[in-house]
C-alpha atoms as a PDB file:
ATOM      1  CA  MET A   1     -20.830  27.757  17.635  1.00  0.00           C
ATOM      2  CA  LEU A   2     -22.151  24.679  15.518  1.00  0.00           C
ATOM      3  CA  ARG A   3     -24.387  22.226  17.318  1.00  0.00           C
ATOM      4  CA  LEU A   4     -23.898  18.594  16.984  1.00  0.00           C
ATOM      5  CA  GLN A   5     -26.417  16.141  17.800  1.00  0.00           C
ATOM      6  CA  CYS A   6     -25.830  12.450  17.770  1.00  0.00           C
ATOM      7  CA  LEU A   7     -27.873   9.324  19.235  1.00  0.00           C
ATOM      8  CA  SER A   8     -30.050  11.753  21.079  1.00  0.00           C
ATOM      9  CA  SER A   9     -28.008  13.669  22.631  1.00  0.00           C
ATOM     10  CA  SER A  10     -26.217  17.560  22.041  1.00  0.00           C
ATOM     11  CA  LEU A  11     -22.869  18.672  22.372  1.00  0.00           C
ATOM     12  CA  LEU A  12     -22.164  21.903  21.828  1.00  0.00           C
ATOM     13  CA  LEU A  13     -18.399  22.078  19.303  1.00  0.00           C
ATOM     14  CA  PRO A  14     -16.699  25.226  18.196  1.00  0.00           C
ATOM     15  CA  LEU A  15     -15.757  25.512  14.910  1.00  0.00           C
ATOM     16  CA  ILE A  16     -11.873  23.658  14.082  1.00  0.00           C
ATOM     17  CA  PRO A  17      -9.179  25.631  12.342  1.00  0.00           C
ATOM     18  CA  GLU A  18      -7.155  23.568  10.041  1.00  0.00           C
ATOM     19  CA  LEU A  19      -3.676  24.239  10.300  1.00  0.00           C
ATOM     20  CA  SER A  20      -1.468  24.072   6.551  1.00  0.00           C
ATOM     21  CA  PRO A  21       2.454  24.050   7.508  1.00  0.00           C
ATOM     22  CA  GLU A  22       4.481  26.580   5.655  1.00  0.00           C
ATOM     23  CA  THR A  23       8.510  26.574   5.355  1.00  0.00           C
ATOM     24  CA  SER A  24      10.013  29.816   4.839  1.00  0.00           C
ATOM     25  CA  SER A  25      13.789  31.060   5.642  1.00  0.00           C
ATOM     26  CA  ASN A  26      14.655  27.026   6.821  1.00  0.00           C
ATOM     27  CA  ARG A  27      11.588  27.978   9.505  1.00  0.00           C
ATOM     28  CA  ARG A  28       8.200  25.728   9.349  1.00  0.00           C
ATOM     29  CA  LEU A  29       5.415  28.360  10.618  1.00  0.00           C
ATOM     30  CA  CYS A  30       1.899  27.655  10.901  1.00  0.00           C
ATOM     31  CA  ARG A  31      -0.848  29.830   9.289  1.00  0.00           C
ATOM     32  CA  LEU A  32      -4.452  29.783   9.788  1.00  0.00           C
ATOM     33  CA  ASN A  33      -6.171  28.371   6.548  1.00  0.00           C
ATOM     34  CA  SER A  34      -9.665  28.024   6.678  1.00  0.00           C
ATOM     35  CA  PHE A  35     -11.972  26.948   8.790  1.00  0.00           C
ATOM     36  CA  ARG A  36     -14.127  23.648   8.707  1.00  0.00           C
ATOM     37  CA  PRO A  37     -17.185  23.060  10.280  1.00  0.00           C
ATOM     38  CA  LEU A  38     -18.555  19.969  11.893  1.00  0.00           C
ATOM     39  CA  LEU A  39     -21.006  17.196  10.294  1.00  0.00           C
ATOM     40  CA  THR A  40     -24.823  17.087  11.920  1.00  0.00           C
ATOM     41  CA  PHE A  41     -25.478  13.823  12.313  1.00  0.00           C
ATOM     42  CA  THR A  42     -28.970  12.427  13.479  1.00  0.00           C
ATOM     43  CA  THR A  43     -28.054   9.066  13.816  1.00  0.00           C
ATOM     44  CA  ALA A  44     -24.421   7.567  13.328  1.00  0.00           C
ATOM     45  CA  PRO A  45     -23.113   6.350  10.353  1.00  0.00           C
ATOM     46  CA  LYS A  46     -23.311   3.026   8.780  1.00  0.00           C
ATOM     47  CA  PHE A  47     -21.795   0.416   5.842  1.00  0.00           C
ATOM     48  CA  SER A  48     -20.752  -2.686   5.380  1.00  0.00           C
ATOM     49  CA  PRO A  49     -17.807  -2.441   2.731  1.00  0.00           C
ATOM     50  CA  LYS A  50     -17.027  -5.943   1.125  1.00  0.00           C
ATOM     51  CA  CYS A  51     -12.710  -5.084   1.628  1.00  0.00           C
ATOM     52  CA  GLN A  52     -11.463  -3.010   3.982  1.00  0.00           C
ATOM     53  CA  TYR A  53      -8.272  -2.218   2.005  1.00  0.00           C
ATOM     54  CA  SER A  54      -7.741  -3.056  -1.897  1.00  0.00           C
ATOM     55  CA  TRP A  55      -4.168  -4.729  -1.593  1.00  0.00           C
ATOM     56  CA  ASN A  56      -3.716  -8.378  -3.574  1.00  0.00           C
ATOM     57  CA  THR A  57      -1.989 -11.648  -4.637  1.00  0.00           C
ATOM     58  CA  GLN A  58      -1.364 -12.941  -7.938  1.00  0.00           C
ATOM     59  CA  GLN A  59      -4.724 -12.510  -9.550  1.00  0.00           C
ATOM     60  CA  HIS A  60      -4.523  -8.719  -8.274  1.00  0.00           C
ATOM     61  CA  GLN A  61      -1.118  -8.540  -9.356  1.00  0.00           C
ATOM     62  CA  ALA A  62      -1.903  -8.852 -12.933  1.00  0.00           C
ATOM     63  CA  ALA A  63      -5.151  -7.248 -13.127  1.00  0.00           C
ATOM     64  CA  PHE A  64      -2.277  -4.345 -12.602  1.00  0.00           C
ATOM     65  CA  GLU A  65       0.193  -5.903 -15.126  1.00  0.00           C
ATOM     66  CA  SER A  66      -2.403  -6.300 -17.872  1.00  0.00           C
ATOM     67  CA  GLY A  67      -4.045  -3.086 -17.175  1.00  0.00           C
ATOM     68  CA  SER A  68      -6.991  -3.124 -15.694  1.00  0.00           C
ATOM     69  CA  PRO A  69      -6.592  -2.716 -12.026  1.00  0.00           C
ATOM     70  CA  THR A  70      -9.040  -4.177  -9.430  1.00  0.00           C
ATOM     71  CA  GLY A  71     -10.158  -3.899  -5.855  1.00  0.00           C
ATOM     72  CA  SER A  72     -12.385  -0.789  -5.369  1.00  0.00           C
ATOM     73  CA  PHE A  73     -15.309  -0.587  -2.419  1.00  0.00           C
ATOM     74  CA  PRO A  74     -18.138  -0.864  -4.262  1.00  0.00           C
ATOM     75  CA  SER A  75     -20.125   1.643  -5.235  1.00  0.00           C
ATOM     76  CA  GLN A  76     -22.809   1.406  -2.745  1.00  0.00           C
ATOM     77  CA  THR A  77     -20.547   2.108   0.188  1.00  0.00           C
ATOM     78  CA  ARG A  78     -17.991   4.028  -1.126  1.00  0.00           C
ATOM     79  CA  ALA A  79     -19.769   7.176   0.439  1.00  0.00           C
ATOM     80  CA  GLY A  80     -20.026   5.311   4.159  1.00  0.00           C
ATOM     81  CA  ALA A  81     -16.293   4.287   3.636  1.00  0.00           C
ATOM     82  CA  ALA A  82     -14.951   7.656   3.152  1.00  0.00           C
ATOM     83  CA  ALA A  83     -17.036   9.063   5.892  1.00  0.00           C
ATOM     84  CA  ALA A  84     -16.184   5.981   8.576  1.00  0.00           C
ATOM     85  CA  LEU A  85     -12.155   4.793   7.345  1.00  0.00           C
ATOM     86  CA  PRO A  86      -9.190   6.719   8.187  1.00  0.00           C
ATOM     87  CA  PRO A  87      -7.476   8.681   5.544  1.00  0.00           C
ATOM     88  CA  ARG A  88      -5.516   6.843   2.857  1.00  0.00           C
ATOM     89  CA  PHE A  89      -2.217   7.434   2.096  1.00  0.00           C
ATOM     90  CA  PHE A  90      -0.092   6.660  -1.484  1.00  0.00           C
ATOM     91  CA  VAL A  91       3.586   6.507  -0.949  1.00  0.00           C
ATOM     92  CA  GLY A  92       6.582   5.051  -2.802  1.00  0.00           C
ATOM     93  CA  HIS A  93      10.335   5.818  -3.569  1.00  0.00           C
ATOM     94  CA  SER A  94      11.965   6.443  -7.349  1.00  0.00           C
ATOM     95  CA  ILE A  95      15.180   5.757  -8.725  1.00  0.00           C
ATOM     96  CA  TYR A  96      16.569   7.677 -11.411  1.00  0.00           C
ATOM     97  CA  LYS A  97      19.403   7.380 -13.955  1.00  0.00           C
ATOM     98  CA  GLY A  98      20.242   8.071 -17.490  1.00  0.00           C
ATOM     99  CA  LYS A  99      18.728   5.600 -19.390  1.00  0.00           C
ATOM    100  CA  ALA A 100      15.484   4.772 -17.315  1.00  0.00           C
ATOM    101  CA  ALA A 101      13.784   5.207 -14.220  1.00  0.00           C
ATOM    102  CA  LEU A 102      12.437   2.940 -11.373  1.00  0.00           C
ATOM    103  CA  THR A 103       9.733   3.916  -8.953  1.00  0.00           C
ATOM    104  CA  VAL A 104       8.486   1.443  -6.343  1.00  0.00           C
ATOM    105  CA  GLU A 105       4.438   1.525  -4.554  1.00  0.00           C
ATOM    106  CA  PRO A 106       3.446  -0.840  -2.096  1.00  0.00           C
ATOM    107  CA  ARG A 107      -0.236  -2.076  -2.409  1.00  0.00           C
ATOM    108  CA  PRO A 108      -2.097  -3.357   0.430  1.00  0.00           C
ATOM    109  CA  PRO A 109      -4.438  -6.496   1.029  1.00  0.00           C
ATOM    110  CA  GLU A 110      -7.422  -7.075   0.644  1.00  0.00           C
ATOM    111  CA  PHE A 111      -9.841  -8.620   3.201  1.00  0.00           C
ATOM    112  CA  THR A 112     -13.268  -9.603   3.129  1.00  0.00           C
ATOM    113  CA  PRO A 113     -15.801  -9.192   5.978  1.00  0.00           C
ATOM    114  CA  LEU A 114     -17.274 -12.339   8.046  1.00  0.00           C
ATOM    115  CA  ASP A 115     -20.557 -13.133   9.355  1.00  0.00           C
ATOM    116  CA  SER A 116     -19.240 -12.833  12.940  1.00  0.00           C
ATOM    117  CA  GLY A 117     -18.056  -8.885  11.770  1.00  0.00           C
ATOM    118  CA  ALA A 118     -14.388 -10.066  11.950  1.00  0.00           C
ATOM    119  CA  PHE A 119     -12.359  -9.697   8.493  1.00  0.00           C
ATOM    120  CA  LYS A 120     -10.520 -12.246   6.881  1.00  0.00           C
ATOM    121  CA  ILE A 121      -7.758 -11.057   4.069  1.00  0.00           C
ATOM    122  CA  SER A 122      -8.486 -12.979   1.379  1.00  0.00           C
ATOM    123  CA  ARG A 123      -6.099 -11.559  -0.752  1.00  0.00           C
ATOM    124  CA  GLU A 124      -2.145 -11.016  -0.435  1.00  0.00           C
ATOM    125  CA  GLY A 125      -0.772  -7.171  -1.186  1.00  0.00           C
ATOM    126  CA  PHE A 126       2.379  -7.021  -3.794  1.00  0.00           C
ATOM    127  CA  VAL A 127       4.844  -4.012  -4.312  1.00  0.00           C
ATOM    128  CA  LEU A 128       4.158  -2.700  -7.710  1.00  0.00           C
ATOM    129  CA  LEU A 129       7.873  -2.008  -9.867  1.00  0.00           C
ATOM    130  CA  GLN A 130       7.217   0.678 -12.977  1.00  0.00           C
ATOM    131  CA  PHE A 131      10.179   1.052 -15.214  1.00  0.00           C
ATOM    132  CA  ALA A 132      10.065   3.727 -17.662  1.00  0.00           C
ATOM    133  CA  PRO A 133      12.704   4.604 -20.382  1.00  0.00           C
ATOM    134  CA  ALA A 134      14.415   7.517 -20.641  1.00  0.00           C
ATOM    135  CA  ALA A 135      13.039  10.509 -23.079  1.00  0.00           C
ATOM    136  CA  GLY A 136      15.821  12.506 -23.028  1.00  0.00           C
ATOM    137  CA  VAL A 137      17.893  14.513 -20.036  1.00  0.00           C
ATOM    138  CA  ARG A 138      16.417  13.668 -17.031  1.00  0.00           C
ATOM    139  CA  GLN A 139      13.115  13.017 -18.760  1.00  0.00           C
ATOM    140  CA  TYR A 140      11.192   9.935 -18.819  1.00  0.00           C
ATOM    141  CA  ASP A 141       8.364   8.618 -20.970  1.00  0.00           C
ATOM    142  CA  TRP A 142       6.030   7.168 -18.582  1.00  0.00           C
ATOM    143  CA  SER A 143       3.582   6.012 -21.591  1.00  0.00           C
ATOM    144  CA  ARG A 144       6.087   3.309 -22.272  1.00  0.00           C
ATOM    145  CA  LYS A 145       6.644   2.370 -18.925  1.00  0.00           C
ATOM    146  CA  GLN A 146       5.943  -1.520 -18.157  1.00  0.00           C
ATOM    147  CA  VAL A 147       4.959  -3.279 -14.854  1.00  0.00           C
ATOM    148  CA  PHE A 148       5.999  -6.032 -12.381  1.00  0.00           C
ATOM    149  CA  SER A 149       4.323  -6.583  -9.591  1.00  0.00           C
ATOM    150  CA  LEU A 150       6.245  -8.596  -6.716  1.00  0.00           C
ATOM    151  CA  SER A 151       4.670 -11.158  -4.663  1.00  0.00           C
ATOM    152  CA  VAL A 152       5.833 -11.357  -1.151  1.00  0.00           C
ATOM    153  CA  THR A 153       7.418 -14.473  -1.636  1.00  0.00           C
ATOM    154  CA  GLU A 154       9.629 -12.791  -4.430  1.00  0.00           C
ATOM    155  CA  LEU A 155      10.088  -9.910  -2.198  1.00  0.00           C
ATOM    156  CA  GLY A 156      11.746 -12.656   0.258  1.00  0.00           C
ATOM    157  CA  SER A 157      13.983 -13.645  -2.780  1.00  0.00           C
ATOM    158  CA  LEU A 158      15.024 -10.648  -3.571  1.00  0.00           C
ATOM    159  CA  VAL A 159      15.795 -10.002   0.216  1.00  0.00           C
ATOM    160  CA  ALA A 160      17.903 -13.130   0.616  1.00  0.00           C
ATOM    161  CA  LEU A 161      20.212 -12.758  -2.381  1.00  0.00           C
ATOM    162  CA  GLY A 162      24.257 -12.503  -1.569  1.00  0.00           C
ATOM    163  CA  PRO A 163      26.773 -10.032  -2.835  1.00  0.00           C
ATOM    164  CA  ARG A 164      27.205 -12.577  -5.778  1.00  0.00           C
ATOM    165  CA  GLU A 165      24.095 -14.100  -6.171  1.00  0.00           C
ATOM    166  CA  SER A 166      21.344 -13.349  -8.983  1.00  0.00           C
ATOM    167  CA  CYS A 167      17.357 -14.312  -9.664  1.00  0.00           C
ATOM    168  CA  GLU A 168      14.594 -14.555 -12.610  1.00  0.00           C
ATOM    169  CA  LEU A 169      11.151 -13.699 -11.749  1.00  0.00           C
ATOM    170  CA  PHE A 170       8.802 -15.004 -14.501  1.00  0.00           C
ATOM    171  CA  HIS A 171       5.007 -13.294 -15.210  1.00  0.00           C
ATOM    172  CA  ASP A 172       2.756 -14.338 -17.684  1.00  0.00           C
ATOM    173  CA  PRO A 173      -0.641 -12.164 -16.451  1.00  0.00           C
ATOM    174  CA  TYR A 174      -2.897 -14.227 -17.707  1.00  0.00           C
ATOM    175  CA  LYS A 175      -2.459 -17.232 -16.847  1.00  0.00           C
ATOM    176  CA  GLY A 176      -5.043 -19.592 -16.906  1.00  0.00           C
ATOM    177  CA  LYS A 177      -7.021 -17.187 -19.095  1.00  0.00           C
ATOM    178  CA  SER A 178      -7.779 -17.517 -22.821  1.00  0.00           C
ATOM    179  CA  ASP A 179      -4.475 -15.597 -23.914  1.00  0.00           C
ATOM    180  CA  GLU A 180      -2.088 -17.781 -21.665  1.00  0.00           C
ATOM    181  CA  GLY A 181       1.233 -17.157 -23.207  1.00  0.00           C
ATOM    182  CA  LYS A 182       0.642 -13.976 -25.061  1.00  0.00           C
ATOM    183  CA  VAL A 183       2.637 -11.951 -22.331  1.00  0.00           C
ATOM    184  CA  ARG A 184       5.261 -12.671 -21.315  1.00  0.00           C
ATOM    185  CA  LYS A 185       7.326 -10.904 -18.343  1.00  0.00           C
ATOM    186  CA  ILE A 186      11.190 -11.605 -16.551  1.00  0.00           C
ATOM    187  CA  LEU A 187      12.607  -9.618 -14.081  1.00  0.00           C
ATOM    188  CA  LYS A 188      16.386 -10.542 -14.055  1.00  0.00           C
ATOM    189  CA  VAL A 189      18.420  -8.649 -10.619  1.00  0.00           C
ATOM    190  CA  GLU A 190      21.991  -9.303 -11.656  1.00  0.00           C
ATOM    191  CA  PRO A 191      25.560  -8.256  -9.881  1.00  0.00           C
ATOM    192  CA  LEU A 192      26.906  -5.364 -11.190  1.00  0.00           C
ATOM    193  CA  PRO A 193      30.557  -6.702 -12.688  1.00  0.00           C
ATOM    194  CA  ASP A 194      32.539  -4.311 -10.433  1.00  0.00           C
ATOM    195  CA  GLY A 195      30.315  -5.575  -6.810  1.00  0.00           C
ATOM    196  CA  SER A 196      29.031  -1.907  -7.145  1.00  0.00           C
ATOM    197  CA  GLY A 197      25.442  -2.810  -6.683  1.00  0.00           C
ATOM    198  CA  ARG A 198      22.778  -4.362  -9.050  1.00  0.00           C
ATOM    199  CA  PHE A 199      21.139  -4.578 -12.303  1.00  0.00           C
ATOM    200  CA  PHE A 200      17.323  -4.626 -12.497  1.00  0.00           C
ATOM    201  CA  ASN A 201      16.331  -5.514 -16.191  1.00  0.00           C
ATOM    202  CA  LEU A 202      12.681  -5.838 -17.005  1.00  0.00           C
ATOM    203  CA  SER A 203      12.202  -7.538 -20.065  1.00  0.00           C
ATOM    204  CA  VAL A 204       8.227  -7.782 -21.784  1.00  0.00           C
ATOM    205  CA  GLN A 205       7.310  -9.665 -24.879  1.00  0.00           C
ATOM    206  CA  ASN A 206       3.535  -8.432 -25.194  1.00  0.00           C
ATOM    207  CA  ASN A 207       2.094  -9.943 -28.619  1.00  0.00           C
ATOM    208  CA  LEU A 208      -1.286  -8.465 -27.977  1.00  0.00           C
ATOM    209  CA  THR A 209       0.020  -5.059 -28.609  1.00  0.00           C
ATOM    210  CA  ASN A 210       3.074  -5.898 -30.416  1.00  0.00           C
ATOM    211  CA  VAL A 211       5.941  -4.535 -27.706  1.00  0.00           C
ATOM    212  CA  ASP A 212       8.850  -6.511 -27.261  1.00  0.00           C
ATOM    213  CA  GLU A 213      10.921  -4.246 -25.348  1.00  0.00           C
ATOM    214  CA  SER A 214      13.786  -4.335 -22.466  1.00  0.00           C
ATOM    215  CA  ILE A 215      14.489  -1.980 -19.821  1.00  0.00           C
ATOM    216  CA  TYR A 216      17.376  -1.789 -17.666  1.00  0.00           C
ATOM    217  CA  ILE A 217      18.800   0.284 -14.511  1.00  0.00           C
ATOM    218  CA  PRO A 218      21.710   0.058 -12.566  1.00  0.00           C
ATOM    219  CA  ILE A 219      21.103   0.580  -8.241  1.00  0.00           C
ATOM    220  CA  THR A 220      24.073   1.171  -6.320  1.00  0.00           C
ATOM    221  CA  LYS A 221      24.410  -0.753  -3.227  1.00  0.00           C
ATOM    222  CA  ALA A 222      23.174   2.436  -1.013  1.00  0.00           C
ATOM    223  CA  GLU A 223      20.069   2.215  -3.227  1.00  0.00           C
ATOM    224  CA  TYR A 224      19.734  -1.778  -3.186  1.00  0.00           C
ATOM    225  CA  THR A 225      19.731  -1.621   0.396  1.00  0.00           C
ATOM    226  CA  VAL A 226      16.890   1.303   1.369  1.00  0.00           C
ATOM    227  CA  LEU A 227      14.687  -1.061  -1.169  1.00  0.00           C
ATOM    228  CA  VAL A 228      15.646  -4.203   0.907  1.00  0.00           C
ATOM    229  CA  GLU A 229      15.125  -2.273   4.030  1.00  0.00           C
ATOM    230  CA  ALA A 230      11.605  -1.054   2.684  1.00  0.00           C
ATOM    231  CA  PHE A 231      10.727  -4.598   1.271  1.00  0.00           C
ATOM    232  CA  LYS A 232      11.249  -5.571   5.012  1.00  0.00           C
ATOM    233  CA  PHE A 233       9.223  -3.769   6.951  1.00  0.00           C
ATOM    234  CA  ILE A 234       6.310  -3.748   4.382  1.00  0.00           C
ATOM    235  CA  LEU A 235       6.154  -7.182   4.177  1.00  0.00           C
ATOM    236  CA  PRO A 236       3.934  -8.541   7.527  1.00  0.00           C
ATOM    237  CA  HIS A 237       1.787  -5.290   6.001  1.00  0.00           C
ATOM    238  CA  LEU A 238       1.304  -6.737   2.840  1.00  0.00           C
ATOM    239  CA  MET A 239       0.605 -10.561   4.579  1.00  0.00           C
ATOM    240  CA  GLY A 240      -1.992  -8.728   6.305  1.00  0.00           C
ATOM    241  CA  TRP A 241      -0.390  -9.186  10.371  1.00  0.00           C
ATOM    242  CA  HIS A 242      -0.144  -5.299  11.268  1.00  0.00           C
ATOM    243  CA  ALA A 243      -4.180  -5.690  11.708  1.00  0.00           C
ATOM    244  CA  ILE A 244      -4.117  -8.986  14.178  1.00  0.00           C
ATOM    245  CA  ALA A 245      -0.985  -6.519  15.566  1.00  0.00           C
ATOM    246  CA  ASN A 246      -3.077  -3.609  16.119  1.00  0.00           C
ATOM    247  CA  SER A 247      -6.059  -5.575  16.917  1.00  0.00           C
ATOM    248  CA  MET A 248      -4.206  -7.437  19.940  1.00  0.00           C
ATOM    249  CA  THR A 249      -2.692  -4.009  21.131  1.00  0.00           C
ATOM    250  CA  ARG A 250      -5.748  -2.204  20.808  1.00  0.00           C
ATOM    251  CA  THR A 251      -7.177  -5.200  23.231  1.00  0.00           C
ATOM    252  CA  GLU A 252      -4.330  -5.261  25.949  1.00  0.00           C
ATOM    253  CA  ASP A 253      -4.842  -1.102  26.016  1.00  0.00           C
ATOM    254  CA  ASN A 254      -8.437  -2.159  26.976  1.00  0.00           C
ATOM    255  CA  ARG A 255      -6.942  -4.445  29.986  1.00  0.00           C
ATOM    256  CA  ARG A 256      -5.045  -1.950  31.369  1.00  0.00           C
ATOM    257  CA  ALA A 257      -7.250   0.581  31.384  1.00  0.00           C
ATOM    258  CA  ASN A 258      -9.570  -1.975  33.168  1.00  0.00           C
ATOM    259  CA  GLU A 259      -7.046  -2.535  35.668  1.00  0.00           C
ATOM    260  CA  ALA A 260      -6.574   1.108  36.285  1.00  0.00           C
ATOM    261  CA  ASN A 261      -9.986   1.503  36.899  1.00  0.00           C
ATOM    262  CA  PRO A 262     -10.758   1.196  40.678  1.00  0.00           C
ATOM    263  CA  ARG A 263     -13.926  -1.092  40.282  1.00  0.00           C
ATOM    264  CA  TYR A 264     -12.415  -3.375  38.189  1.00  0.00           C
ATOM    265  CA  GLY A 265     -11.345  -5.831  41.104  1.00  0.00           C
ATOM    266  CA  ARG A 266     -14.340  -5.717  43.181  1.00  0.00           C
ATOM    267  CA  ASP A 267     -16.506  -6.318  39.991  1.00  0.00           C
ATOM    268  CA  PHE A 268     -14.423  -9.202  39.579  1.00  0.00           C
ATOM    269  CA  GLU A 269     -14.502 -10.649  42.808  1.00  0.00           C
ATOM    270  CA  TRP A 270     -18.575 -10.056  43.211  1.00  0.00           C
ATOM    271  CA  SER A 271     -18.932 -11.785  40.008  1.00  0.00           C
ATOM    272  CA  ARG A 272     -16.951 -15.253  41.338  1.00  0.00           C
END
């Protein structure tokens, strides 16, 4: 038994066993892995995060493409944020071909707190494409990878492509800075000649590191369909719209809970 003291109230709670799934002989078994003790608090944890998520648009995209990602929690709030925020998840999708590999990963939007206690989106999220050339049979040289960040509008361009249509996207990660024009990135998405899919071709000219490279990878219809459906699903989240949708859902749940309370109608009547 472990005593948890929070806000001057004491509760006796048992240790919570943590289950770890294990697959064997096409069956999923669970065994007790360890016991995780509950923490003891004398007051509720407090923190004031600068941002709720670390996703972004052109400037944040440029940071990733120039090799200096930004947008983490301030150091003074990381401990509090880790204790209070839900767990973070890292997801992606990979396509491996003979001459190159492509990974696709979403990056969340960034929110800034207001004086009212609410949060406002400050930068939209994006989808990070990483291209790695082949170094052998089923081997890829990720040290030579090249990256390209797709904004929500650019994702819309890929989603809207017709069967025989193509598009070309241009990025300068240092646009508006002293090194503008020294790094040029062009992503071309074109249909394959036989109509069986599309080519993704990323060309990078980097005068800062003397890199001039072009990486292309063929994408089948099925693989492109998976990408398009993933792009459609993640778009509202990159725009931060999931946050307001979740807030509206919680408000509706609270309203229904109040209406289910037998005192709800009486309180409303007496307050008129």
